[in-house]
Each structure stands twice: as structure tokens, then as C-alpha cells.
Amino acid sequence: MTDIKPSDVRRAAMDFLARREHSRYEILCKLTRRLGDNPDLFEQEVGKLTNEGLQSDRRLAEAFIRARTNRGQGPVKIKMELRNKQVSDDIITTAFEECGVDFLALAQSVAVRKFRDALHKVVESEVQDPELPELPELPELPELPEDPELPEALNIKALDVKTQARISRFMQQRGFSYEHISSLY
């Protein structure tokens, strides 16, 4: 087997970074898989990339948070995934502070998008008053807004307990904390 040159390590690491941001740990793992086991050389070359600003765990954390919140994922899941990439807790905390995402509003928006049909049924049942004679046709249901703010007619609190439990489980799987989930009700 031939010796690995520093230029080979740098080229491979740059190939990884050209596709997307990677944590230091991810690059080291991928270099080991691709080029074999030479941790000292890999550490040295990845350190150079970090010093040059080509690899940054902070930049990775910011981009990762932005991408995951656009998918509707909550902070608990995002933090766990960043920790799996071995990004330090200080960097994660700083990135969350600087991201400017309102996770309460995001939680509400995700719940509304996912459970739109259940919310329409609540509106439909609120339109029919049991004391009035049955109407020949129901008025047209209002369109649900894309805006995370719900109008008063679309109240998640009015859902039955079973549906609220489904929403809570879904939101937990998406990575929202108890505080975010309880704010829906």
C-alpha cells in the first residue's frame, strides 16, 4: 500500500466540504473510511482547513439549524443530531441563540399543517349549532392560513383528547419540547 500524502488528505477533505458543510468529526470519519487509518495526518490536515476557515463547526451548526427548521423540526431533535456530529454544546447554544427562530410559532405552524383535516372538522362542527334546525348546506369552510397564527375559529384546544394526544406524539417525534407542545393547547 502506498503512503498517504498530505495533499491527498486535503483534496479528499475539500471534496467533502464542496458538497456540504461537515463537522470536524464527520470529515475525520470519512477520511478514515476513504484513505485508511492515519489519524495524526488527518487531524493535522483538517486542523489546517479549520484554521483557514474552510471547515467550521459553527457554520455547520447554523446551516443545519436553518435547514432542519425549514423542514419543521424542533430544537430537541436538532440538538441531538448536532451532538451526534460531535459539535460542541457551546457552539450549538450559540448557533441557536443567533438563528432567531421562534420555535413556539414553528410548532404551531407544523401542527396546523399536519392536522389541517382535524381542524377543518372542528370548524365544521362549530358551524352546526344543535339548537338550530339543520341547514340544507354548510357554509364554505375558511381556508387555513399559511401563517402560523390561527384564527380563533381554528382552535387546537377544541380538539378531542385522542387527537390532541396524536398531535403531541407527532410533535415529540419532530423534536419539540414539552413547553412547545403545551403551548398549542
N, C-alpha and C. Protein backbone atom coordinates (compact mmCIF):
# COMPACT_ATOMS: atom_id res chain seq x y z
N MET A 1 0.85 -1.19 0.00
CA MET A 1 0.00 0.00 0.00
C MET A 1 0.89 1.24 0.00
N THR A 2 0.50 2.26 -0.75
CA THR A 2 1.30 3.48 -0.84
C THR A 2 1.02 4.38 0.35
N ASP A 3 2.00 5.22 0.63
CA ASP A 3 1.83 6.18 1.72
C ASP A 3 0.86 7.27 1.30
N ILE A 4 0.14 7.75 2.27
CA ILE A 4 -0.83 8.81 2.00
C ILE A 4 -0.11 10.15 2.12
N LYS A 5 -0.26 10.99 1.14
CA LYS A 5 0.36 12.32 1.15
C LYS A 5 -0.61 13.31 1.78
N PRO A 6 -0.08 14.35 2.41
CA PRO A 6 -0.95 15.40 2.95
C PRO A 6 -1.84 16.04 1.88
N SER A 7 -1.33 16.13 0.66
CA SER A 7 -2.12 16.73 -0.42
C SER A 7 -3.32 15.85 -0.76
N ASP A 8 -3.16 14.53 -0.65
CA ASP A 8 -4.28 13.61 -0.89
C ASP A 8 -5.37 13.78 0.17
N VAL A 9 -4.93 13.94 1.41
CA VAL A 9 -5.87 14.12 2.52
C VAL A 9 -6.62 15.43 2.35
N ARG A 10 -5.88 16.48 2.01
CA ARG A 10 -6.51 17.79 1.82
C ARG A 10 -7.51 17.75 0.67
N ARG A 11 -7.14 17.13 -0.43
CA ARG A 11 -8.03 17.04 -1.59
C ARG A 11 -9.32 16.28 -1.23
N ALA A 12 -9.18 15.18 -0.52
CA ALA A 12 -10.36 14.39 -0.12
C ALA A 12 -11.25 15.20 0.82
N ALA A 13 -10.64 15.88 1.78
CA ALA A 13 -11.42 16.70 2.71
C ALA A 13 -12.12 17.84 1.99
N MET A 14 -11.45 18.45 1.03
CA MET A 14 -12.07 19.53 0.25
C MET A 14 -13.22 19.00 -0.60
N ASP A 15 -13.10 17.77 -1.09
CA ASP A 15 -14.20 17.16 -1.83
C ASP A 15 -15.44 17.05 -0.95
N PHE A 16 -15.25 16.64 0.30
CA PHE A 16 -16.39 16.53 1.23
C PHE A 16 -17.01 17.89 1.47
N LEU A 17 -16.15 18.90 1.70
CA LEU A 17 -16.66 20.24 2.02
C LEU A 17 -17.28 20.93 0.82
N ALA A 18 -16.93 20.50 -0.37
CA ALA A 18 -17.51 21.10 -1.57
C ALA A 18 -18.98 20.74 -1.71
N ARG A 19 -19.37 19.60 -1.17
CA ARG A 19 -20.76 19.14 -1.29
C ARG A 19 -21.68 19.79 -0.25
N ARG A 20 -21.18 19.86 0.99
CA ARG A 20 -21.96 20.46 2.09
C ARG A 20 -21.02 20.71 3.25
N GLU A 21 -21.51 21.44 4.25
CA GLU A 21 -20.73 21.65 5.47
C GLU A 21 -20.61 20.33 6.22
N HIS A 22 -19.47 20.08 6.81
CA HIS A 22 -19.22 18.89 7.62
C HIS A 22 -18.60 19.31 8.95
N SER A 23 -18.89 18.56 9.98
CA SER A 23 -18.20 18.79 11.25
C SER A 23 -16.80 18.19 11.14
N ARG A 24 -15.95 18.61 12.05
CA ARG A 24 -14.59 18.08 12.09
C ARG A 24 -14.62 16.55 12.23
N TYR A 25 -15.48 16.08 13.11
CA TYR A 25 -15.62 14.65 13.36
C TYR A 25 -16.06 13.89 12.10
N GLU A 26 -17.03 14.45 11.38
CA GLU A 26 -17.51 13.80 10.15
C GLU A 26 -16.39 13.67 9.11
N ILE A 27 -15.61 14.72 8.96
CA ILE A 27 -14.53 14.68 7.98
C ILE A 27 -13.50 13.62 8.37
N LEU A 28 -13.15 13.58 9.66
CA LEU A 28 -12.17 12.58 10.11
C LEU A 28 -12.67 11.16 9.87
N CYS A 29 -13.96 10.92 10.14
CA CYS A 29 -14.54 9.59 9.90
C CYS A 29 -14.51 9.23 8.43
N LYS A 30 -14.89 10.18 7.57
CA LYS A 30 -14.93 9.91 6.14
C LYS A 30 -13.52 9.72 5.57
N LEU A 31 -12.57 10.49 6.08
CA LEU A 31 -11.19 10.30 5.63
C LEU A 31 -10.67 8.92 6.02
N THR A 32 -11.01 8.46 7.20
CA THR A 32 -10.59 7.13 7.65
C THR A 32 -11.19 6.05 6.76
N ARG A 33 -12.45 6.20 6.40
CA ARG A 33 -13.08 5.22 5.52
C ARG A 33 -12.47 5.23 4.12
N ARG A 34 -12.16 6.41 3.63
CA ARG A 34 -11.67 6.52 2.26
C ARG A 34 -10.18 6.21 2.13
N LEU A 35 -9.39 6.71 3.08
CA LEU A 35 -7.93 6.63 2.91
C LEU A 35 -7.23 5.68 3.88
N GLY A 36 -7.95 5.06 4.77
CA GLY A 36 -7.31 4.16 5.73
C GLY A 36 -7.11 4.85 7.07
N ASP A 37 -6.28 4.24 7.90
CA ASP A 37 -6.12 4.73 9.27
C ASP A 37 -4.80 5.47 9.42
N ASN A 38 -4.88 6.78 9.52
CA ASN A 38 -3.73 7.64 9.77
C ASN A 38 -4.21 8.87 10.52
N PRO A 39 -4.64 8.69 11.77
CA PRO A 39 -5.32 9.78 12.48
C PRO A 39 -4.48 11.04 12.69
N ASP A 40 -3.17 10.90 12.87
CA ASP A 40 -2.35 12.09 13.10
C ASP A 40 -2.31 12.98 11.87
N LEU A 41 -2.12 12.38 10.71
CA LEU A 41 -2.09 13.15 9.47
C LEU A 41 -3.46 13.78 9.20
N PHE A 42 -4.52 13.02 9.42
CA PHE A 42 -5.87 13.53 9.19
C PHE A 42 -6.16 14.72 10.12
N GLU A 43 -5.81 14.59 11.38
CA GLU A 43 -6.03 15.67 12.36
C GLU A 43 -5.29 16.93 11.92
N GLN A 44 -4.05 16.74 11.50
CA GLN A 44 -3.22 17.86 11.09
C GLN A 44 -3.83 18.60 9.89
N GLU A 45 -4.24 17.85 8.88
CA GLU A 45 -4.78 18.47 7.67
C GLU A 45 -6.15 19.11 7.91
N VAL A 46 -6.99 18.45 8.68
CA VAL A 46 -8.30 19.04 9.00
C VAL A 46 -8.11 20.28 9.87
N GLY A 47 -7.13 20.26 10.76
CA GLY A 47 -6.79 21.44 11.56
C GLY A 47 -6.41 22.62 10.68
N LYS A 48 -5.63 22.34 9.63
CA LYS A 48 -5.25 23.41 8.70
C LYS A 48 -6.49 23.98 8.01
N LEU A 49 -7.39 23.10 7.58
CA LEU A 49 -8.62 23.58 6.93
C LEU A 49 -9.44 24.43 7.89
N THR A 50 -9.49 24.04 9.14
CA THR A 50 -10.24 24.80 10.14
C THR A 50 -9.59 26.17 10.35
N ASN A 51 -8.26 26.21 10.46
CA ASN A 51 -7.54 27.48 10.64
C ASN A 51 -7.72 28.40 9.44
N GLU A 52 -7.85 27.84 8.27
CA GLU A 52 -8.05 28.64 7.05
C GLU A 52 -9.50 29.07 6.88
N GLY A 53 -10.39 28.56 7.72
CA GLY A 53 -11.80 28.93 7.64
C GLY A 53 -12.59 28.13 6.63
N LEU A 54 -12.00 27.07 6.11
CA LEU A 54 -12.70 26.25 5.13
C LEU A 54 -13.63 25.24 5.79
N GLN A 55 -13.30 24.85 7.01
CA GLN A 55 -14.15 23.95 7.78
C GLN A 55 -14.49 24.65 9.08
N SER A 56 -15.78 24.68 9.42
CA SER A 56 -16.20 25.35 10.63
C SER A 56 -17.40 24.62 11.23
N ASP A 57 -17.24 24.17 12.47
CA ASP A 57 -18.37 23.53 13.15
C ASP A 57 -19.49 24.54 13.41
N ARG A 58 -19.12 25.77 13.63
CA ARG A 58 -20.13 26.81 13.88
C ARG A 58 -20.98 27.05 12.62
N ARG A 59 -20.32 27.15 11.49
CA ARG A 59 -21.03 27.35 10.24
C ARG A 59 -21.94 26.15 9.94
N LEU A 60 -21.43 24.95 10.24
CA LEU A 60 -22.23 23.75 10.07
C LEU A 60 -23.48 23.83 10.95
N ALA A 61 -23.31 24.21 12.21
CA ALA A 61 -24.45 24.27 13.13
C ALA A 61 -25.50 25.26 12.65
N GLU A 62 -25.07 26.42 12.19
CA GLU A 62 -26.01 27.43 11.70
C GLU A 62 -26.78 26.93 10.47
N ALA A 63 -26.06 26.34 9.53
CA ALA A 63 -26.71 25.84 8.32
C ALA A 63 -27.64 24.67 8.65
N PHE A 64 -27.22 23.82 9.56
CA PHE A 64 -28.01 22.66 9.95
C PHE A 64 -29.31 23.09 10.63
N ILE A 65 -29.22 24.06 11.53
CA ILE A 65 -30.41 24.56 12.22
C ILE A 65 -31.38 25.17 11.21
N ARG A 66 -30.86 25.96 10.31
CA ARG A 66 -31.70 26.60 9.29
C ARG A 66 -32.40 25.54 8.43
N ALA A 67 -31.65 24.55 7.99
CA ALA A 67 -32.23 23.50 7.13
C ALA A 67 -33.29 22.69 7.87
N ARG A 68 -33.02 22.33 9.11
CA ARG A 68 -33.95 21.49 9.86
C ARG A 68 -35.20 22.26 10.28
N THR A 69 -35.08 23.52 10.60
CA THR A 69 -36.28 24.29 10.96
C THR A 69 -37.15 24.51 9.72
N ASN A 70 -36.52 24.63 8.55
CA ASN A 70 -37.31 24.74 7.32
C ASN A 70 -38.08 23.46 7.04
N ARG A 71 -37.61 22.34 7.55
CA ARG A 71 -38.32 21.07 7.43
C ARG A 71 -39.37 20.90 8.52
N GLY A 72 -39.41 21.82 9.49
CA GLY A 72 -40.39 21.73 10.55
C GLY A 72 -39.94 20.88 11.73
N GLN A 73 -38.65 20.78 11.95
CA GLN A 73 -38.15 20.01 13.07
C GLN A 73 -37.86 20.92 14.25
N GLY A 74 -38.02 20.36 15.45
CA GLY A 74 -37.85 21.12 16.67
C GLY A 74 -36.43 21.10 17.21
N PRO A 75 -36.19 21.91 18.23
CA PRO A 75 -34.84 22.09 18.75
C PRO A 75 -34.26 20.84 19.43
N VAL A 76 -35.08 20.02 20.04
CA VAL A 76 -34.57 18.83 20.73
C VAL A 76 -33.92 17.88 19.72
N LYS A 77 -34.60 17.63 18.63
CA LYS A 77 -34.09 16.73 17.59
C LYS A 77 -32.85 17.32 16.92
N ILE A 78 -32.88 18.61 16.65
CA ILE A 78 -31.75 19.27 16.00
C ILE A 78 -30.51 19.19 16.89
N LYS A 79 -30.68 19.47 18.18
CA LYS A 79 -29.54 19.41 19.11
C LYS A 79 -28.97 17.99 19.17
N MET A 80 -29.83 17.00 19.20
CA MET A 80 -29.38 15.62 19.25
C MET A 80 -28.56 15.27 18.00
N GLU A 81 -29.04 15.68 16.84
CA GLU A 81 -28.32 15.38 15.60
C GLU A 81 -26.98 16.10 15.55
N LEU A 82 -26.92 17.34 16.04
CA LEU A 82 -25.65 18.06 16.07
C LEU A 82 -24.68 17.41 17.05
N ARG A 83 -25.19 16.93 18.17
CA ARG A 83 -24.32 16.23 19.13
C ARG A 83 -23.79 14.93 18.52
N ASN A 84 -24.60 14.26 17.70
CA ASN A 84 -24.14 13.05 17.02
C ASN A 84 -23.01 13.36 16.04
N LYS A 85 -22.99 14.60 15.54
CA LYS A 85 -21.90 15.03 14.66
C LYS A 85 -20.72 15.56 15.47
N GLN A 86 -20.83 15.46 16.80
CA GLN A 86 -19.83 15.87 17.77
C GLN A 86 -19.49 17.36 17.68
N VAL A 87 -20.52 18.16 17.49
CA VAL A 87 -20.38 19.60 17.58
C VAL A 87 -20.52 19.95 19.06
N SER A 88 -19.67 20.82 19.56
CA SER A 88 -19.66 21.12 21.00
C SER A 88 -20.95 21.82 21.42
N ASP A 89 -21.32 21.64 22.68
CA ASP A 89 -22.54 22.25 23.22
C ASP A 89 -22.47 23.77 23.18
N ASP A 90 -21.28 24.34 23.37
CA ASP A 90 -21.14 25.80 23.30
C ASP A 90 -21.49 26.33 21.91
N ILE A 91 -21.01 25.65 20.89
CA ILE A 91 -21.29 26.06 19.51
C ILE A 91 -22.78 25.89 19.22
N ILE A 92 -23.37 24.79 19.68
CA ILE A 92 -24.80 24.55 19.45
C ILE A 92 -25.63 25.64 20.11
N THR A 93 -25.30 25.97 21.36
CA THR A 93 -26.04 27.00 22.09
C THR A 93 -25.94 28.35 21.38
N THR A 94 -24.74 28.70 20.97
CA THR A 94 -24.53 29.97 20.26
C THR A 94 -25.32 30.00 18.95
N ALA A 95 -25.28 28.92 18.22
CA ALA A 95 -25.99 28.86 16.93
C ALA A 95 -27.49 29.00 17.13
N PHE A 96 -28.04 28.38 18.18
CA PHE A 96 -29.48 28.51 18.45
C PHE A 96 -29.83 29.94 18.86
N GLU A 97 -28.97 30.59 19.62
CA GLU A 97 -29.24 31.97 20.02
C GLU A 97 -29.25 32.90 18.83
N GLU A 98 -28.37 32.64 17.87
CA GLU A 98 -28.24 33.52 16.72
C GLU A 98 -29.19 33.20 15.57
N CYS A 99 -29.83 32.03 15.62
CA CYS A 99 -30.68 31.64 14.48
C CYS A 99 -31.96 32.46 14.40
N GLY A 100 -32.46 32.93 15.53
CA GLY A 100 -33.64 33.78 15.52
C GLY A 100 -34.94 33.07 15.18
N VAL A 101 -35.01 31.77 15.39
CA VAL A 101 -36.22 31.02 15.08
C VAL A 101 -37.14 31.04 16.30
N ASP A 102 -38.41 31.35 16.06
CA ASP A 102 -39.42 31.29 17.11
C ASP A 102 -40.01 29.88 17.09
N PHE A 103 -39.53 29.03 18.00
CA PHE A 103 -39.94 27.63 17.97
C PHE A 103 -41.39 27.44 18.42
N LEU A 104 -41.94 28.37 19.19
CA LEU A 104 -43.36 28.27 19.55
C LEU A 104 -44.23 28.46 18.30
N ALA A 105 -43.89 29.46 17.51
CA ALA A 105 -44.64 29.71 16.26
C ALA A 105 -44.41 28.57 15.27
N LEU A 106 -43.19 28.05 15.22
CA LEU A 106 -42.90 26.93 14.32
C LEU A 106 -43.71 25.70 14.72
N ALA A 107 -43.80 25.44 16.02
CA ALA A 107 -44.58 24.29 16.50
C ALA A 107 -46.04 24.43 16.09
N GLN A 108 -46.59 25.60 16.25
CA GLN A 108 -47.98 25.83 15.88
C GLN A 108 -48.17 25.66 14.37
N SER A 109 -47.25 26.18 13.59
CA SER A 109 -47.34 26.07 12.14
C SER A 109 -47.26 24.60 11.69
N VAL A 110 -46.36 23.84 12.30
CA VAL A 110 -46.22 22.42 11.94
C VAL A 110 -47.48 21.65 12.30
N ALA A 111 -48.02 21.93 13.48
CA ALA A 111 -49.24 21.24 13.92
C ALA A 111 -50.42 21.56 13.00
N VAL A 112 -50.54 22.80 12.61
CA VAL A 112 -51.64 23.21 11.73
C VAL A 112 -51.51 22.55 10.36
N ARG A 113 -50.28 22.54 9.82
CA ARG A 113 -50.08 21.92 8.51
C ARG A 113 -50.37 20.42 8.53
N LYS A 114 -49.93 19.75 9.58
CA LYS A 114 -50.08 18.30 9.64
C LYS A 114 -51.52 17.88 9.94
N PHE A 115 -52.20 18.63 10.80
CA PHE A 115 -53.53 18.23 11.26
C PHE A 115 -54.61 19.15 10.72
N ARG A 116 -54.42 19.61 9.51
CA ARG A 116 -55.36 20.50 8.84
C ARG A 116 -56.77 19.90 8.77
N ASP A 117 -56.88 18.62 8.45
CA ASP A 117 -58.19 17.98 8.32
C ASP A 117 -58.92 17.95 9.65
N ALA A 118 -58.23 17.62 10.72
CA ALA A 118 -58.86 17.60 12.03
C ALA A 118 -59.36 18.99 12.42
N LEU A 119 -58.60 20.01 12.07
CA LEU A 119 -59.02 21.38 12.38
C LEU A 119 -60.23 21.77 11.54
N HIS A 120 -60.31 21.31 10.30
CA HIS A 120 -61.49 21.58 9.48
C HIS A 120 -62.73 20.93 10.09
N LYS A 121 -62.58 19.73 10.63
CA LYS A 121 -63.71 19.06 11.25
C LYS A 121 -64.20 19.83 12.47
N VAL A 122 -63.28 20.42 13.24
CA VAL A 122 -63.68 21.23 14.40
C VAL A 122 -64.47 22.44 13.93
N VAL A 123 -64.01 23.10 12.87
CA VAL A 123 -64.71 24.26 12.34
C VAL A 123 -66.08 23.84 11.84
N GLU A 124 -66.15 22.71 11.16
CA GLU A 124 -67.40 22.20 10.62
C GLU A 124 -68.40 21.94 11.74
N SER A 125 -67.95 21.33 12.84
CA SER A 125 -68.85 21.03 13.95
C SER A 125 -69.26 22.30 14.69
N GLU A 126 -68.39 23.32 14.70
CA GLU A 126 -68.75 24.57 15.36
C GLU A 126 -69.78 25.35 14.55
N VAL A 127 -69.79 25.14 13.23
CA VAL A 127 -70.74 25.84 12.37
C VAL A 127 -72.15 25.32 12.62
N GLN A 128 -72.29 24.03 12.90
CA GLN A 128 -73.61 23.45 13.14
C GLN A 128 -73.98 23.63 14.61
N ASP A 129 -75.00 24.40 14.88
CA ASP A 129 -75.48 24.61 16.23
C ASP A 129 -76.62 23.61 16.46
N PRO A 130 -76.55 22.80 17.54
CA PRO A 130 -77.57 21.77 17.74
C PRO A 130 -78.98 22.34 17.98
N GLU A 131 -79.10 23.59 18.39
CA GLU A 131 -80.41 24.15 18.67
C GLU A 131 -81.11 24.69 17.43
N LEU A 132 -80.34 24.92 16.40
CA LEU A 132 -80.94 25.41 15.15
C LEU A 132 -81.36 24.22 14.31
N PRO A 133 -82.39 24.39 13.49
CA PRO A 133 -82.74 23.30 12.57
C PRO A 133 -81.60 23.07 11.59
N GLU A 134 -81.51 21.87 11.10
CA GLU A 134 -80.42 21.51 10.20
C GLU A 134 -80.52 22.34 8.92
N LEU A 135 -79.39 22.89 8.53
CA LEU A 135 -79.33 23.71 7.34
C LEU A 135 -79.18 22.82 6.11
N PRO A 136 -79.73 23.23 4.99
CA PRO A 136 -79.61 22.40 3.79
C PRO A 136 -78.16 22.22 3.34
N GLU A 137 -77.35 23.26 3.48
CA GLU A 137 -75.94 23.13 3.12
C GLU A 137 -75.10 23.94 4.08
N LEU A 138 -73.91 23.45 4.32
CA LEU A 138 -73.00 24.15 5.24
C LEU A 138 -72.34 25.31 4.51
N PRO A 139 -72.06 26.36 5.26
CA PRO A 139 -71.30 27.44 4.62
C PRO A 139 -69.91 26.93 4.28
N GLU A 140 -69.29 27.56 3.31
CA GLU A 140 -67.97 27.13 2.88
C GLU A 140 -66.97 27.35 4.01
N LEU A 141 -66.11 26.36 4.21
CA LEU A 141 -65.12 26.45 5.28
C LEU A 141 -64.04 27.46 4.91
N PRO A 142 -63.56 28.19 5.90
CA PRO A 142 -62.49 29.14 5.59
C PRO A 142 -61.21 28.38 5.28
N GLU A 143 -60.39 28.97 4.43
CA GLU A 143 -59.10 28.39 4.11
C GLU A 143 -58.19 28.56 5.31
N LEU A 144 -57.42 27.52 5.61
CA LEU A 144 -56.45 27.63 6.69
C LEU A 144 -55.29 28.49 6.22
N PRO A 145 -54.86 29.42 7.06
CA PRO A 145 -53.77 30.30 6.63
C PRO A 145 -52.44 29.58 6.66
N GLU A 146 -51.50 30.03 5.84
CA GLU A 146 -50.13 29.53 5.89
C GLU A 146 -49.41 30.17 7.07
N ASP A 147 -49.94 31.28 7.52
CA ASP A 147 -49.40 32.00 8.66
C ASP A 147 -49.53 31.12 9.91
N PRO A 148 -48.49 31.07 10.77
CA PRO A 148 -48.58 30.22 11.95
C PRO A 148 -49.66 30.66 12.94
N GLU A 149 -50.14 31.89 12.82
CA GLU A 149 -51.19 32.36 13.72
C GLU A 149 -52.52 31.76 13.30
N LEU A 150 -53.21 31.17 14.25
CA LEU A 150 -54.51 30.58 13.94
C LEU A 150 -55.61 31.58 14.26
N PRO A 151 -56.61 31.70 13.39
CA PRO A 151 -57.75 32.50 13.78
C PRO A 151 -58.50 31.79 14.90
N GLU A 152 -59.30 32.52 15.64
CA GLU A 152 -59.97 31.94 16.80
C GLU A 152 -60.88 30.78 16.42
N ALA A 153 -61.42 30.77 15.20
CA ALA A 153 -62.31 29.69 14.78
C ALA A 153 -61.57 28.37 14.66
N LEU A 154 -60.26 28.42 14.45
CA LEU A 154 -59.47 27.20 14.30
C LEU A 154 -58.65 27.00 15.57
N ASN A 155 -59.28 26.48 16.59
CA ASN A 155 -58.65 26.36 17.88
C ASN A 155 -58.25 24.91 18.14
N ILE A 156 -56.97 24.68 18.33
CA ILE A 156 -56.48 23.33 18.60
C ILE A 156 -57.03 22.82 19.93
N LYS A 157 -57.31 23.73 20.85
CA LYS A 157 -57.84 23.34 22.16
C LYS A 157 -59.20 22.66 22.04
N ALA A 158 -59.92 22.95 20.98
CA ALA A 158 -61.26 22.39 20.81
C ALA A 158 -61.23 20.94 20.32
N LEU A 159 -60.06 20.42 19.97
CA LEU A 159 -59.96 19.04 19.51
C LEU A 159 -60.18 18.07 20.66
N ASP A 160 -60.61 16.86 20.33
CA ASP A 160 -60.80 15.85 21.37
C ASP A 160 -59.45 15.38 21.91
N VAL A 161 -59.47 14.70 23.05
CA VAL A 161 -58.27 14.29 23.75
C VAL A 161 -57.43 13.33 22.90
N LYS A 162 -58.09 12.45 22.18
CA LYS A 162 -57.37 11.48 21.35
C LYS A 162 -56.57 12.19 20.26
N THR A 163 -57.17 13.16 19.63
CA THR A 163 -56.47 13.91 18.57
C THR A 163 -55.36 14.76 19.17
N GLN A 164 -55.60 15.34 20.33
CA GLN A 164 -54.55 16.11 21.00
C GLN A 164 -53.36 15.21 21.33
N ALA A 165 -53.62 13.98 21.74
CA ALA A 165 -52.53 13.04 22.04
C ALA A 165 -51.75 12.69 20.77
N ARG A 166 -52.47 12.52 19.67
CA ARG A 166 -51.80 12.26 18.38
C ARG A 166 -50.89 13.43 18.00
N ILE A 167 -51.42 14.63 18.18
CA ILE A 167 -50.64 15.82 17.86
C ILE A 167 -49.40 15.88 18.75
N SER A 168 -49.58 15.62 20.03
CA SER A 168 -48.46 15.67 20.97
C SER A 168 -47.38 14.66 20.61
N ARG A 169 -47.78 13.43 20.29
CA ARG A 169 -46.80 12.41 19.90
C ARG A 169 -46.06 12.81 18.62
N PHE A 170 -46.81 13.32 17.65
CA PHE A 170 -46.19 13.75 16.40
C PHE A 170 -45.18 14.86 16.66
N MET A 171 -45.56 15.82 17.48
CA MET A 171 -44.68 16.95 17.75
C MET A 171 -43.44 16.50 18.53
N GLN A 172 -43.61 15.53 19.40
CA GLN A 172 -42.46 14.99 20.12
C GLN A 172 -41.49 14.31 19.16
N GLN A 173 -42.02 13.56 18.22
CA GLN A 173 -41.17 12.90 17.23
C GLN A 173 -40.44 13.92 16.35
N ARG A 174 -41.06 15.04 16.14
CA ARG A 174 -40.45 16.10 15.35
C ARG A 174 -39.38 16.86 16.14
N GLY A 175 -39.32 16.62 17.45
CA GLY A 175 -38.25 17.23 18.24
C GLY A 175 -38.64 18.49 18.99
N PHE A 176 -39.93 18.67 19.24
CA PHE A 176 -40.36 19.82 20.01
C PHE A 176 -40.42 19.44 21.48
N SER A 177 -40.10 20.39 22.34
CA SER A 177 -40.08 20.13 23.77
C SER A 177 -41.51 20.19 24.33
N TYR A 178 -41.64 19.78 25.58
CA TYR A 178 -42.94 19.81 26.25
C TYR A 178 -43.49 21.24 26.28
N GLU A 179 -42.62 22.19 26.48
CA GLU A 179 -43.04 23.60 26.52
C GLU A 179 -43.68 24.02 25.19
N HIS A 180 -43.06 23.63 24.10
CA HIS A 180 -43.60 23.99 22.78
C HIS A 180 -44.92 23.29 22.52
N ILE A 181 -45.01 22.02 22.90
CA ILE A 181 -46.23 21.24 22.66
C ILE A 181 -47.37 21.75 23.53
N SER A 182 -47.09 22.04 24.79
CA SER A 182 -48.14 22.50 25.69
C SER A 182 -48.64 23.90 25.30
N SER A 183 -47.83 24.66 24.60
CA SER A 183 -48.27 26.00 24.17
C SER A 183 -49.37 25.91 23.12
N LEU A 184 -49.51 24.73 22.48
CA LEU A 184 -50.56 24.57 21.46
C LEU A 184 -51.95 24.50 22.08
N TYR A 185 -52.03 24.03 23.31
CA TYR A 185 -53.32 23.75 23.92
C TYR A 185 -53.73 24.81 24.89
